[in-house]
Amino acid sequence: MSFGGSAEPYLPSADDLSDARAVLDSVPEELFHARVDMVRAEDGSLLLMELELIEPYLFIDDAPEFVHAFAEGYAALFEMA
């Protein structure tokens, strides 16, 4: 990773997913894809660092099974247009 950072797989808890969903639900437009970047505060709560909507890096290399579903989603989006 850049600037000395690292990335590790992380399976979020149901509460973590709920917090991320609340962020996505606050966007007034329908989203096809987004990335919610959060950090855990000292009290254990999650804080929003970034909501990436324009060109999110989706870590596809780390989840190759995601590629097919992502491609199908885009295909369905264009079929609706």
PDB file of N, CA and C in Angstrom:
ATOM      1  N   MET A   1       0.847  -1.178   0.000  1.00  0.00           N
ATOM      2  CA  MET A   1       0.000   0.000   0.000  1.00  0.00           C
ATOM      3  C   MET A   1       0.892   1.241   0.000  1.00  0.00           C
ATOM      4  N   SER A   2       0.297   2.329  -0.367  1.00  0.00           N
ATOM      5  CA  SER A   2       1.017   3.598  -0.453  1.00  0.00           C
ATOM      6  C   SER A   2       1.240   4.216   0.921  1.00  0.00           C
ATOM      7  N   PHE A   3       2.293   4.983   1.032  1.00  0.00           N
ATOM      8  CA  PHE A   3       2.575   5.805   2.205  1.00  0.00           C
ATOM      9  C   PHE A   3       2.689   4.983   3.492  1.00  0.00           C
ATOM     10  N   GLY A   4       3.143   3.729   3.383  1.00  0.00           N
ATOM     11  CA  GLY A   4       3.364   2.914   4.563  1.00  0.00           C
ATOM     12  C   GLY A   4       2.133   2.243   5.120  1.00  0.00           C
ATOM     13  N   GLY A   5       1.001   2.388   4.452  1.00  0.00           N
ATOM     14  CA  GLY A   5      -0.233   1.762   4.924  1.00  0.00           C
ATOM     15  C   GLY A   5      -0.262   0.283   4.597  1.00  0.00           C
ATOM     16  N   SER A   6      -1.243  -0.392   5.094  1.00  0.00           N
ATOM     17  CA  SER A   6      -1.433  -1.805   4.786  1.00  0.00           C
ATOM     18  C   SER A   6      -2.923  -2.088   4.680  1.00  0.00           C
ATOM     19  N   ALA A   7      -3.245  -3.202   4.061  1.00  0.00           N
ATOM     20  CA  ALA A   7      -4.639  -3.620   3.938  1.00  0.00           C
ATOM     21  C   ALA A   7      -4.739  -5.079   4.336  1.00  0.00           C
ATOM     22  N   GLU A   8      -5.779  -5.399   5.070  1.00  0.00           N
ATOM     23  CA  GLU A   8      -6.030  -6.764   5.504  1.00  0.00           C
ATOM     24  C   GLU A   8      -7.505  -7.062   5.287  1.00  0.00           C
ATOM     25  N   PRO A   9      -7.835  -8.313   4.977  1.00  0.00           N
ATOM     26  CA  PRO A   9      -9.248  -8.666   4.886  1.00  0.00           C
ATOM     27  C   PRO A   9      -9.935  -8.434   6.232  1.00  0.00           C
ATOM     28  N   TYR A  10     -11.153  -7.974   6.181  1.00  0.00           N
ATOM     29  CA  TYR A  10     -11.906  -7.707   7.405  1.00  0.00           C
ATOM     30  C   TYR A  10     -13.359  -8.063   7.161  1.00  0.00           C
ATOM     31  N   LEU A  11     -13.911  -8.889   7.989  1.00  0.00           N
ATOM     32  CA  LEU A  11     -15.321  -9.250   7.896  1.00  0.00           C
ATOM     33  C   LEU A  11     -16.088  -8.381   8.893  1.00  0.00           C
ATOM     34  N   PRO A  12     -16.841  -7.409   8.381  1.00  0.00           N
ATOM     35  CA  PRO A  12     -17.536  -6.491   9.299  1.00  0.00           C
ATOM     36  C   PRO A  12     -18.666  -7.191  10.042  1.00  0.00           C
ATOM     37  N   SER A  13     -18.914  -6.708  11.234  1.00  0.00           N
ATOM     38  CA  SER A  13     -20.032  -7.227  12.032  1.00  0.00           C
ATOM     39  C   SER A  13     -21.338  -6.675  11.468  1.00  0.00           C
ATOM     40  N   ALA A  14     -22.438  -7.213  11.925  1.00  0.00           N
ATOM     41  CA  ALA A  14     -23.751  -6.720  11.510  1.00  0.00           C
ATOM     42  C   ALA A  14     -23.908  -5.245  11.893  1.00  0.00           C
ATOM     43  N   ASP A  15     -23.402  -4.858  13.055  1.00  0.00           N
ATOM     44  CA  ASP A  15     -23.482  -3.447  13.473  1.00  0.00           C
ATOM     45  C   ASP A  15     -22.646  -2.554  12.562  1.00  0.00           C
ATOM     46  N   ASP A  16     -21.455  -3.026  12.187  1.00  0.00           N
ATOM     47  CA  ASP A  16     -20.606  -2.247  11.274  1.00  0.00           C
ATOM     48  C   ASP A  16     -21.319  -2.053   9.936  1.00  0.00           C
ATOM     49  N   LEU A  17     -21.915  -3.125   9.419  1.00  0.00           N
ATOM     50  CA  LEU A  17     -22.637  -3.034   8.149  1.00  0.00           C
ATOM     51  C   LEU A  17     -23.831  -2.097   8.257  1.00  0.00           C
ATOM     52  N   SER A  18     -24.488  -2.120   9.382  1.00  0.00           N
ATOM     53  CA  SER A  18     -25.621  -1.216   9.610  1.00  0.00           C
ATOM     54  C   SER A  18     -25.169   0.242   9.591  1.00  0.00           C
ATOM     55  N   ASP A  19     -24.023   0.518  10.212  1.00  0.00           N
ATOM     56  CA  ASP A  19     -23.492   1.888  10.205  1.00  0.00           C
ATOM     57  C   ASP A  19     -23.137   2.321   8.781  1.00  0.00           C
ATOM     58  N   ALA A  20     -22.520   1.434   8.017  1.00  0.00           N
ATOM     59  CA  ALA A  20     -22.171   1.758   6.635  1.00  0.00           C
ATOM     60  C   ALA A  20     -23.424   1.954   5.801  1.00  0.00           C
ATOM     61  N   ARG A  21     -24.427   1.129   6.006  1.00  0.00           N
ATOM     62  CA  ARG A  21     -25.701   1.258   5.276  1.00  0.00           C
ATOM     63  C   ARG A  21     -26.360   2.587   5.584  1.00  0.00           C
ATOM     64  N   ALA A  22     -26.279   3.046   6.827  1.00  0.00           N
ATOM     65  CA  ALA A  22     -26.857   4.338   7.202  1.00  0.00           C
ATOM     66  C   ALA A  22     -26.192   5.466   6.419  1.00  0.00           C
ATOM     67  N   VAL A  23     -24.878   5.360   6.215  1.00  0.00           N
ATOM     68  CA  VAL A  23     -24.177   6.370   5.412  1.00  0.00           C
ATOM     69  C   VAL A  23     -24.716   6.351   3.979  1.00  0.00           C
ATOM     70  N   LEU A  24     -24.804   5.159   3.382  1.00  0.00           N
ATOM     71  CA  LEU A  24     -25.301   5.048   2.006  1.00  0.00           C
ATOM     72  C   LEU A  24     -26.741   5.538   1.898  1.00  0.00           C
ATOM     73  N   ASP A  25     -27.562   5.237   2.885  1.00  0.00           N
ATOM     74  CA  ASP A  25     -28.959   5.660   2.866  1.00  0.00           C
ATOM     75  C   ASP A  25     -29.114   7.169   2.979  1.00  0.00           C
ATOM     76  N   SER A  26     -28.088   7.855   3.451  1.00  0.00           N
ATOM     77  CA  SER A  26     -28.164   9.310   3.575  1.00  0.00           C
ATOM     78  C   SER A  26     -27.956  10.020   2.234  1.00  0.00           C
ATOM     79  N   VAL A  27     -27.524   9.287   1.219  1.00  0.00           N
ATOM     80  CA  VAL A  27     -27.315   9.869  -0.110  1.00  0.00           C
ATOM     81  C   VAL A  27     -28.669   9.908  -0.826  1.00  0.00           C
ATOM     82  N   PRO A  28     -29.080  11.064  -1.319  1.00  0.00           N
ATOM     83  CA  PRO A  28     -30.423  11.167  -1.905  1.00  0.00           C
ATOM     84  C   PRO A  28     -30.581  10.501  -3.281  1.00  0.00           C
ATOM     85  N   GLU A  29     -29.512  10.090  -3.894  1.00  0.00           N
ATOM     86  CA  GLU A  29     -29.569   9.442  -5.206  1.00  0.00           C
ATOM     87  C   GLU A  29     -29.383   7.942  -5.057  1.00  0.00           C
ATOM     88  N   GLU A  30     -29.895   7.177  -6.033  1.00  0.00           N
ATOM     89  CA  GLU A  30     -29.643   5.744  -6.046  1.00  0.00           C
ATOM     90  C   GLU A  30     -28.211   5.510  -6.512  1.00  0.00           C
ATOM     91  N   LEU A  31     -27.497   4.638  -5.828  1.00  0.00           N
ATOM     92  CA  LEU A  31     -26.097   4.376  -6.143  1.00  0.00           C
ATOM     93  C   LEU A  31     -25.943   2.977  -6.709  1.00  0.00           C
ATOM     94  N   PHE A  32     -25.123   2.832  -7.747  1.00  0.00           N
ATOM     95  CA  PHE A  32     -24.800   1.497  -8.230  1.00  0.00           C
ATOM     96  C   PHE A  32     -23.641   0.918  -7.432  1.00  0.00           C
ATOM     97  N   HIS A  33     -22.636   1.728  -7.197  1.00  0.00           N
ATOM     98  CA  HIS A  33     -21.515   1.263  -6.384  1.00  0.00           C
ATOM     99  C   HIS A  33     -20.942   2.429  -5.610  1.00  0.00           C
ATOM    100  N   ALA A  34     -20.360   2.102  -4.492  1.00  0.00           N
ATOM    101  CA  ALA A  34     -19.735   3.100  -3.633  1.00  0.00           C
ATOM    102  C   ALA A  34     -18.828   2.346  -2.669  1.00  0.00           C
ATOM    103  N   ARG A  35     -17.966   3.088  -2.035  1.00  0.00           N
ATOM    104  CA  ARG A  35     -17.130   2.506  -0.988  1.00  0.00           C
ATOM    105  C   ARG A  35     -17.215   3.420   0.226  1.00  0.00           C
ATOM    106  N   VAL A  36     -17.537   2.845   1.360  1.00  0.00           N
ATOM    107  CA  VAL A  36     -17.646   3.592   2.612  1.00  0.00           C
ATOM    108  C   VAL A  36     -16.402   3.276   3.430  1.00  0.00           C
ATOM    109  N   ASP A  37     -15.562   4.280   3.630  1.00  0.00           N
ATOM    110  CA  ASP A  37     -14.343   4.114   4.422  1.00  0.00           C
ATOM    111  C   ASP A  37     -14.589   4.673   5.815  1.00  0.00           C
ATOM    112  N   MET A  38     -14.386   3.830   6.814  1.00  0.00           N
ATOM    113  CA  MET A  38     -14.640   4.240   8.186  1.00  0.00           C
ATOM    114  C   MET A  38     -13.448   3.861   9.058  1.00  0.00           C
ATOM    115  N   VAL A  39     -13.352   4.510  10.192  1.00  0.00           N
ATOM    116  CA  VAL A  39     -12.306   4.219  11.165  1.00  0.00           C
ATOM    117  C   VAL A  39     -12.982   4.078  12.534  1.00  0.00           C
ATOM    118  N   ARG A  40     -12.419   3.198  13.346  1.00  0.00           N
ATOM    119  CA  ARG A  40     -13.002   2.990  14.666  1.00  0.00           C
ATOM    120  C   ARG A  40     -12.432   4.014  15.649  1.00  0.00           C
ATOM    121  N   ALA A  41     -13.324   4.685  16.355  1.00  0.00           N
ATOM    122  CA  ALA A  41     -12.937   5.679  17.368  1.00  0.00           C
ATOM    123  C   ALA A  41     -12.523   4.964  18.655  1.00  0.00           C
ATOM    124  N   GLU A  42     -11.932   5.699  19.562  1.00  0.00           N
ATOM    125  CA  GLU A  42     -11.498   5.118  20.836  1.00  0.00           C
ATOM    126  C   GLU A  42     -12.647   4.499  21.611  1.00  0.00           C
ATOM    127  N   ASP A  43     -13.864   5.040  21.446  1.00  0.00           N
ATOM    128  CA  ASP A  43     -15.021   4.491  22.169  1.00  0.00           C
ATOM    129  C   ASP A  43     -15.645   3.289  21.458  1.00  0.00           C
ATOM    130  N   GLY A  44     -15.059   2.877  20.315  1.00  0.00           N
ATOM    131  CA  GLY A  44     -15.558   1.714  19.583  1.00  0.00           C
ATOM    132  C   GLY A  44     -16.529   2.037  18.470  1.00  0.00           C
ATOM    133  N   SER A  45     -17.008   3.267  18.430  1.00  0.00           N
ATOM    134  CA  SER A  45     -17.940   3.645  17.363  1.00  0.00           C
ATOM    135  C   SER A  45     -17.182   3.836  16.047  1.00  0.00           C
ATOM    136  N   LEU A  46     -17.917   3.787  14.956  1.00  0.00           N
ATOM    137  CA  LEU A  46     -17.304   4.009  13.646  1.00  0.00           C
ATOM    138  C   LEU A  46     -17.516   5.450  13.220  1.00  0.00           C
ATOM    139  N   LEU A  47     -16.474   6.024  12.632  1.00  0.00           N
ATOM    140  CA  LEU A  47     -16.526   7.378  12.102  1.00  0.00           C
ATOM    141  C   LEU A  47     -16.282   7.327  10.602  1.00  0.00           C
ATOM    142  N   LEU A  48     -17.037   8.091   9.848  1.00  0.00           N
ATOM    143  CA  LEU A  48     -16.870   8.137   8.405  1.00  0.00           C
ATOM    144  C   LEU A  48     -15.597   8.896   8.052  1.00  0.00           C
ATOM    145  N   MET A  49     -14.735   8.259   7.260  1.00  0.00           N
ATOM    146  CA  MET A  49     -13.538   8.934   6.745  1.00  0.00           C
ATOM    147  C   MET A  49     -13.803   9.447   5.336  1.00  0.00           C
ATOM    148  N   GLU A  50     -14.453   8.610   4.514  1.00  0.00           N
ATOM    149  CA  GLU A  50     -14.664   8.981   3.116  1.00  0.00           C
ATOM    150  C   GLU A  50     -15.802   8.140   2.552  1.00  0.00           C
ATOM    151  N   LEU A  51     -16.637   8.781   1.761  1.00  0.00           N
ATOM    152  CA  LEU A  51     -17.645   8.071   0.982  1.00  0.00           C
ATOM    153  C   LEU A  51     -17.259   8.264  -0.474  1.00  0.00           C
ATOM    154  N   GLU A  52     -16.736   7.223  -1.071  1.00  0.00           N
ATOM    155  CA  GLU A  52     -16.196   7.286  -2.443  1.00  0.00           C
ATOM    156  C   GLU A  52     -17.292   6.876  -3.416  1.00  0.00           C
ATOM    157  N   LEU A  53     -17.746   7.837  -4.220  1.00  0.00           N
ATOM    158  CA  LEU A  53     -18.844   7.594  -5.153  1.00  0.00           C
ATOM    159  C   LEU A  53     -18.421   7.658  -6.612  1.00  0.00           C
ATOM    160  N   ILE A  54     -17.349   8.363  -6.922  1.00  0.00           N
ATOM    161  CA  ILE A  54     -17.014   8.627  -8.314  1.00  0.00           C
ATOM    162  C   ILE A  54     -16.144   7.546  -8.919  1.00  0.00           C
ATOM    163  N   GLU A  55     -15.050   7.230  -8.299  1.00  0.00           N
ATOM    164  CA  GLU A  55     -14.159   6.203  -8.843  1.00  0.00           C
ATOM    165  C   GLU A  55     -13.539   5.406  -7.694  1.00  0.00           C
ATOM    166  N   PRO A  56     -14.395   4.670  -6.992  1.00  0.00           N
ATOM    167  CA  PRO A  56     -13.872   3.926  -5.843  1.00  0.00           C
ATOM    168  C   PRO A  56     -13.006   2.753  -6.268  1.00  0.00           C
ATOM    169  N   TYR A  57     -11.919   2.573  -5.582  1.00  0.00           N
ATOM    170  CA  TYR A  57     -11.137   1.351  -5.746  1.00  0.00           C
ATOM    171  C   TYR A  57     -11.887   0.284  -4.945  1.00  0.00           C
ATOM    172  N   LEU A  58     -12.262  -0.795  -5.603  1.00  0.00           N
ATOM    173  CA  LEU A  58     -13.144  -1.777  -4.977  1.00  0.00           C
ATOM    174  C   LEU A  58     -12.439  -3.047  -4.536  1.00  0.00           C
ATOM    175  N   PHE A  59     -11.104  -3.076  -4.574  1.00  0.00           N
ATOM    176  CA  PHE A  59     -10.321  -4.212  -4.097  1.00  0.00           C
ATOM    177  C   PHE A  59     -10.734  -5.516  -4.776  1.00  0.00           C
ATOM    178  N   ILE A  60     -10.990  -5.441  -6.079  1.00  0.00           N
ATOM    179  CA  ILE A  60     -11.417  -6.613  -6.847  1.00  0.00           C
ATOM    180  C   ILE A  60     -10.352  -7.696  -6.826  1.00  0.00           C
ATOM    181  N   ASP A  61      -9.086  -7.319  -6.791  1.00  0.00           N
ATOM    182  CA  ASP A  61      -8.017  -8.320  -6.730  1.00  0.00           C
ATOM    183  C   ASP A  61      -8.132  -9.201  -5.489  1.00  0.00           C
ATOM    184  N   ASP A  62      -8.721  -8.656  -4.432  1.00  0.00           N
ATOM    185  CA  ASP A  62      -8.859  -9.397  -3.186  1.00  0.00           C
ATOM    186  C   ASP A  62     -10.121 -10.253  -3.139  1.00  0.00           C
ATOM    187  N   ALA A  63     -11.020 -10.078  -4.099  1.00  0.00           N
ATOM    188  CA  ALA A  63     -12.281 -10.835  -4.128  1.00  0.00           C
ATOM    189  C   ALA A  63     -12.655 -11.139  -5.573  1.00  0.00           C
ATOM    190  N   PRO A  64     -11.918 -12.037  -6.227  1.00  0.00           N
ATOM    191  CA  PRO A  64     -12.177 -12.306  -7.647  1.00  0.00           C
ATOM    192  C   PRO A  64     -13.606 -12.760  -7.934  1.00  0.00           C
ATOM    193  N   GLU A  65     -14.273 -13.363  -6.966  1.00  0.00           N
ATOM    194  CA  GLU A  65     -15.655 -13.789  -7.179  1.00  0.00           C
ATOM    195  C   GLU A  65     -16.600 -12.592  -7.361  1.00  0.00           C
ATOM    196  N   PHE A  66     -16.157 -11.423  -6.947  1.00  0.00           N
ATOM    197  CA  PHE A  66     -16.944 -10.197  -7.054  1.00  0.00           C
ATOM    198  C   PHE A  66     -17.038  -9.701  -8.496  1.00  0.00           C
ATOM    199  N   VAL A  67     -16.050 -10.012  -9.326  1.00  0.00           N
ATOM    200  CA  VAL A  67     -15.978  -9.478 -10.687  1.00  0.00           C
ATOM    201  C   VAL A  67     -17.221  -9.848 -11.484  1.00  0.00           C
ATOM    202  N   HIS A  68     -17.647 -11.086 -11.418  1.00  0.00           N
ATOM    203  CA  HIS A  68     -18.800 -11.542 -12.193  1.00  0.00           C
ATOM    204  C   HIS A  68     -20.071 -10.798 -11.758  1.00  0.00           C
ATOM    205  N   ALA A  69     -20.303 -10.714 -10.464  1.00  0.00           N
ATOM    206  CA  ALA A  69     -21.490 -10.020  -9.959  1.00  0.00           C
ATOM    207  C   ALA A  69     -21.467  -8.548 -10.338  1.00  0.00           C
ATOM    208  N   PHE A  70     -20.293  -7.931 -10.276  1.00  0.00           N
ATOM    209  CA  PHE A  70     -20.166  -6.521 -10.627  1.00  0.00           C
ATOM    210  C   PHE A  70     -20.483  -6.312 -12.105  1.00  0.00           C
ATOM    211  N   ALA A  71     -19.950  -7.174 -12.974  1.00  0.00           N
ATOM    212  CA  ALA A  71     -20.210  -7.085 -14.413  1.00  0.00           C
ATOM    213  C   ALA A  71     -21.693  -7.302 -14.712  1.00  0.00           C
ATOM    214  N   GLU A  72     -22.313  -8.261 -14.046  1.00  0.00           N
ATOM    215  CA  GLU A  72     -23.741  -8.496 -14.252  1.00  0.00           C
ATOM    216  C   GLU A  72     -24.567  -7.286 -13.823  1.00  0.00           C
ATOM    217  N   GLY A  73     -24.170  -6.651 -12.746  1.00  0.00           N
ATOM    218  CA  GLY A  73     -24.873  -5.453 -12.278  1.00  0.00           C
ATOM    219  C   GLY A  73     -24.796  -4.326 -13.288  1.00  0.00           C
ATOM    220  N   TYR A  74     -23.620  -4.105 -13.830  1.00  0.00           N
ATOM    221  CA  TYR A  74     -23.481  -3.070 -14.854  1.00  0.00           C
ATOM    222  C   TYR A  74     -24.284  -3.408 -16.097  1.00  0.00           C
ATOM    223  N   ALA A  75     -24.269  -4.659 -16.514  1.00  0.00           N
ATOM    224  CA  ALA A  75     -25.039  -5.073 -17.693  1.00  0.00           C
ATOM    225  C   ALA A  75     -26.517  -4.814 -17.466  1.00  0.00           C
ATOM    226  N   ALA A  76     -27.023  -5.160 -16.298  1.00  0.00           N
ATOM    227  CA  ALA A  76     -28.429  -4.930 -15.986  1.00  0.00           C
ATOM    228  C   ALA A  76     -28.748  -3.437 -15.966  1.00  0.00           C
ATOM    229  N   LEU A  77     -27.827  -2.637 -15.484  1.00  0.00           N
ATOM    230  CA  LEU A  77     -28.030  -1.189 -15.455  1.00  0.00           C
ATOM    231  C   LEU A  77     -28.183  -0.637 -16.865  1.00  0.00           C
ATOM    232  N   PHE A  78     -27.356  -1.106 -17.797  1.00  0.00           N
ATOM    233  CA  PHE A  78     -27.436  -0.617 -19.166  1.00  0.00           C
ATOM    234  C   PHE A  78     -28.657  -1.154 -19.891  1.00  0.00           C
ATOM    235  N   GLU A  79     -29.125  -2.344 -19.526  1.00  0.00           N
ATOM    236  CA  GLU A  79     -30.337  -2.889 -20.130  1.00  0.00           C
ATOM    237  C   GLU A  79     -31.554  -2.070 -19.739  1.00  0.00           C
ATOM    238  N   MET A  80     -31.538  -1.472 -18.554  1.00  0.00           N
ATOM    239  CA  MET A  80     -32.657  -0.670 -18.081  1.00  0.00           C
ATOM    240  C   MET A  80     -32.711   0.680 -18.774  1.00  0.00           C
ATOM    241  N   ALA A  81     -31.576   1.138 -19.282  1.00  0.00           N
ATOM    242  CA  ALA A  81     -31.516   2.489 -19.886  1.00  0.00           C
ATOM    243  C   ALA A  81     -32.188   2.531 -21.242  1.00  0.00           C
TER     244      ALA A  81
END
